[in-house]
Amino acid sequence: MVGKAYLPSAEIAERVRELGAEISRDYEDLEPVLISILKGAVFFLADLAREITVPMSIDFIAISTLFQDQQEGMGSRRQVRFLKDLDQDVEGRHLLIVEDVIDTGLTLNYIIRNLWLRNPASLEIATLLDRPYRRMVELPVKYRGFTVPDEFFVGYGFDYKQKLRNLPDICELNL
């Protein structure tokens, strides 16, 4: 079931260190708010936060994306809703959304539009994995760990049926 390690933990750790150093330089004297989207990004967020050397705060959001079939073969409609919102006011703050993976970008675009309504000073994105070739909307991805193929991964926060998140490597899943 769990295939070979696509990204070994040592390679992930090295890239997270590099991203942490870059973010620290870019956010010097800005005290960013790191926003993690639950649940998958928590592992990346925890490691990234330990590598960032500037003062910051951390907050979380949780969302649900439902796909509803529309009548008469018109495809499906996405419905996104917040299950958990931020605990702090972010007006005038520098926001950094920390994501595990970005595919189409549709859900993240919804989150970004919602956060901009709260008048932050800035808003950027850090993602561990990126699939830009699947993107359906433009997103301001400033910090990118790895560009990856369209495979199903488990480990380091990525799950299969809420299991296997705890694997230290990012592994391919053979179903």
Protein backbone atom coordinates (compact mmCIF):
# COMPACT_ATOMS: atom_id res chain seq x y z
CA MET A 1 0.00 0.00 0.00
CA VAL A 2 2.62 2.58 1.05
CA GLY A 3 5.14 2.86 -1.76
CA LYS A 4 8.63 4.24 -1.86
CA ALA A 5 9.61 7.49 -0.20
CA TYR A 6 9.15 10.23 -2.77
CA LEU A 7 10.61 12.87 -0.43
CA PRO A 8 12.71 11.50 2.44
CA SER A 9 12.47 13.31 5.78
CA ALA A 10 16.05 14.64 5.50
CA GLU A 11 15.26 16.31 2.16
CA ILE A 12 12.05 17.79 3.57
CA ALA A 13 13.91 19.11 6.64
CA GLU A 14 16.58 20.76 4.50
CA ARG A 15 14.02 22.51 2.30
CA VAL A 16 12.00 23.63 5.34
CA ARG A 17 15.20 25.14 6.81
CA GLU A 18 15.77 27.07 3.57
CA LEU A 19 12.18 28.32 3.50
CA GLY A 20 12.39 29.34 7.17
CA ALA A 21 15.52 31.38 6.50
CA GLU A 22 13.92 33.07 3.48
CA ILE A 23 10.74 33.90 5.40
CA SER A 24 12.79 35.23 8.32
CA ARG A 25 14.63 37.62 5.99
CA ASP A 26 11.44 38.75 4.24
CA TYR A 27 9.45 39.31 7.45
CA GLU A 28 12.11 40.95 9.59
CA ASP A 29 10.37 43.51 11.87
CA LEU A 30 6.90 42.55 10.51
CA GLU A 31 5.70 39.90 13.02
CA PRO A 32 3.72 37.76 10.57
CA VAL A 33 0.69 35.65 11.38
CA LEU A 34 1.19 32.12 10.08
CA ILE A 35 -2.18 30.64 9.17
CA SER A 36 -2.44 26.89 8.79
CA ILE A 37 -5.33 25.15 7.12
CA LEU A 38 -6.21 22.12 9.23
CA LYS A 39 -5.34 19.27 9.21
CA GLY A 40 -2.68 18.37 6.66
CA ALA A 41 -0.48 21.46 6.93
CA VAL A 42 0.11 21.13 10.69
CA PHE A 43 3.30 19.07 10.30
CA PHE A 44 4.78 21.53 7.81
CA LEU A 45 3.67 24.50 9.92
CA ALA A 46 5.28 23.13 13.09
CA ASP A 47 8.62 22.48 11.41
CA LEU A 48 8.55 25.75 9.47
CA ALA A 49 7.72 27.80 12.59
CA ARG A 50 10.75 26.34 14.38
CA GLU A 51 12.97 27.54 11.51
CA ILE A 52 11.61 31.10 11.45
CA THR A 53 13.68 33.43 13.61
CA VAL A 54 11.41 36.51 13.71
CA PRO A 55 8.55 37.06 16.17
CA MET A 56 5.27 35.67 14.83
CA SER A 57 1.94 34.28 15.85
CA ILE A 58 0.15 31.19 14.62
CA ASP A 59 -3.52 30.67 13.92
CA PHE A 60 -5.66 28.00 12.29
CA ILE A 61 -8.65 27.68 10.05
CA ALA A 62 -10.57 24.56 9.10
CA ILE A 63 -12.74 24.31 6.04
CA SER A 64 -15.07 21.86 4.41
CA THR A 65 -15.40 21.53 0.65
CA LEU A 66 -18.50 19.78 -0.59
CA PHE A 67 -19.21 18.88 -4.18
CA GLN A 68 -22.86 18.81 -5.13
CA ASP A 69 -24.12 17.38 -8.40
CA GLN A 70 -26.22 19.83 -10.30
CA GLN A 71 -29.23 18.83 -12.32
CA GLU A 72 -29.28 18.03 -16.01
CA GLY A 73 -25.64 17.04 -16.39
CA MET A 74 -24.19 20.45 -15.63
CA GLY A 75 -21.33 18.97 -13.60
CA SER A 76 -20.80 19.64 -9.94
CA ARG A 77 -20.80 22.76 -7.79
CA ARG A 78 -18.31 23.41 -5.01
CA GLN A 79 -19.49 24.64 -1.65
CA VAL A 80 -16.77 25.81 0.74
CA ARG A 81 -17.50 26.70 4.34
CA PHE A 82 -15.44 27.54 7.39
CA LEU A 83 -15.58 24.97 10.19
CA LYS A 84 -13.12 26.96 12.33
CA ASP A 85 -12.21 30.59 11.81
CA LEU A 86 -9.20 32.56 13.02
CA ASP A 87 -8.98 33.34 16.72
CA GLN A 88 -7.30 36.73 16.24
CA ASP A 89 -8.02 39.94 14.40
CA VAL A 90 -5.72 40.18 11.37
CA GLU A 91 -6.47 43.73 10.26
CA GLY A 92 -3.19 45.46 9.44
CA ARG A 93 -1.19 42.25 9.98
CA HIS A 94 1.13 40.44 7.57
CA LEU A 95 -0.44 37.06 6.81
CA LEU A 96 1.35 33.97 5.57
CA ILE A 97 -0.92 31.07 4.68
CA VAL A 98 0.92 27.78 5.24
CA GLU A 99 -0.44 24.98 3.04
CA ASP A 100 0.51 21.35 2.61
CA VAL A 101 -0.28 21.14 -1.12
CA ILE A 102 -1.84 23.36 -3.77
CA ASP A 103 -3.62 21.76 -6.72
CA THR A 104 -6.37 23.65 -8.55
CA GLY A 105 -6.20 26.50 -6.05
CA LEU A 106 -9.98 26.94 -5.96
CA THR A 107 -10.41 26.35 -2.23
CA LEU A 108 -7.34 28.40 -1.37
CA ASN A 109 -8.60 31.21 -3.61
CA TYR A 110 -11.84 31.25 -1.59
CA ILE A 111 -9.84 31.50 1.65
CA ILE A 112 -7.64 34.28 0.27
CA ARG A 113 -10.64 36.31 -0.87
CA ASN A 114 -12.17 35.89 2.60
CA LEU A 115 -8.95 36.96 4.34
CA TRP A 116 -8.51 40.06 2.14
CA LEU A 117 -11.92 41.25 3.38
CA ARG A 118 -10.31 41.52 6.83
CA ASN A 119 -7.85 44.19 5.61
CA PRO A 120 -4.46 42.60 6.28
CA ALA A 121 -1.31 44.58 5.47
CA SER A 122 -0.15 41.75 3.19
CA LEU A 123 -0.97 38.16 2.33
CA GLU A 124 1.39 35.54 0.93
CA ILE A 125 1.38 31.76 0.57
CA ALA A 126 3.91 29.11 1.57
CA THR A 127 3.22 25.58 0.37
CA LEU A 128 5.22 22.44 0.91
CA LEU A 129 4.04 20.77 -2.31
CA ASP A 130 2.82 22.48 -5.44
CA ARG A 131 1.14 21.26 -8.61
CA PRO A 132 1.05 24.46 -10.69
CA TYR A 133 0.06 22.54 -13.83
CA ARG A 134 -3.32 21.80 -12.18
CA ARG A 135 -4.00 25.42 -11.23
CA MET A 136 -7.35 26.85 -12.29
CA VAL A 137 -6.82 30.29 -10.68
CA GLU A 138 -3.83 32.57 -10.17
CA LEU A 139 -2.42 32.47 -6.64
CA PRO A 140 0.40 34.48 -5.04
CA VAL A 141 2.59 31.49 -4.09
CA LYS A 142 5.76 33.10 -2.76
CA TYR A 143 7.35 30.16 -0.94
CA ARG A 144 7.32 26.73 -2.57
CA GLY A 145 8.91 23.62 -1.15
CA PHE A 146 8.68 21.17 -4.03
CA THR A 147 6.86 20.92 -7.35
CA VAL A 148 5.48 17.40 -7.52
CA PRO A 149 3.67 15.13 -9.99
CA ASP A 150 0.00 14.28 -9.74
CA GLU A 151 0.49 11.33 -7.39
CA PHE A 152 -1.30 10.47 -4.16
CA PHE A 153 1.03 10.99 -1.19
CA VAL A 154 0.92 9.99 2.47
CA GLY A 155 3.14 10.92 5.38
CA TYR A 156 4.33 14.23 6.84
CA GLY A 157 0.72 15.32 7.29
CA PHE A 158 -0.73 13.79 4.13
CA ASP A 159 -3.30 11.13 4.87
CA TYR A 160 -5.31 8.32 3.41
CA LYS A 161 -8.66 8.03 5.18
CA GLN A 162 -7.23 10.04 8.12
CA LYS A 163 -4.36 7.55 8.55
CA LEU A 164 -0.63 7.54 7.72
CA ARG A 165 -0.12 11.28 8.44
CA ASN A 166 2.58 10.38 10.96
CA LEU A 167 5.04 8.81 8.50
CA PRO A 168 8.26 10.87 8.52
CA ASP A 169 8.74 10.70 4.73
CA ILE A 170 6.34 11.73 1.99
CA CYS A 171 5.55 8.46 0.27
CA GLU A 172 3.61 7.43 -2.78
CA LEU A 173 0.44 5.50 -2.03
CA ASN A 174 -0.30 2.51 -4.22
CA LEU A 175 -4.02 1.79 -4.15
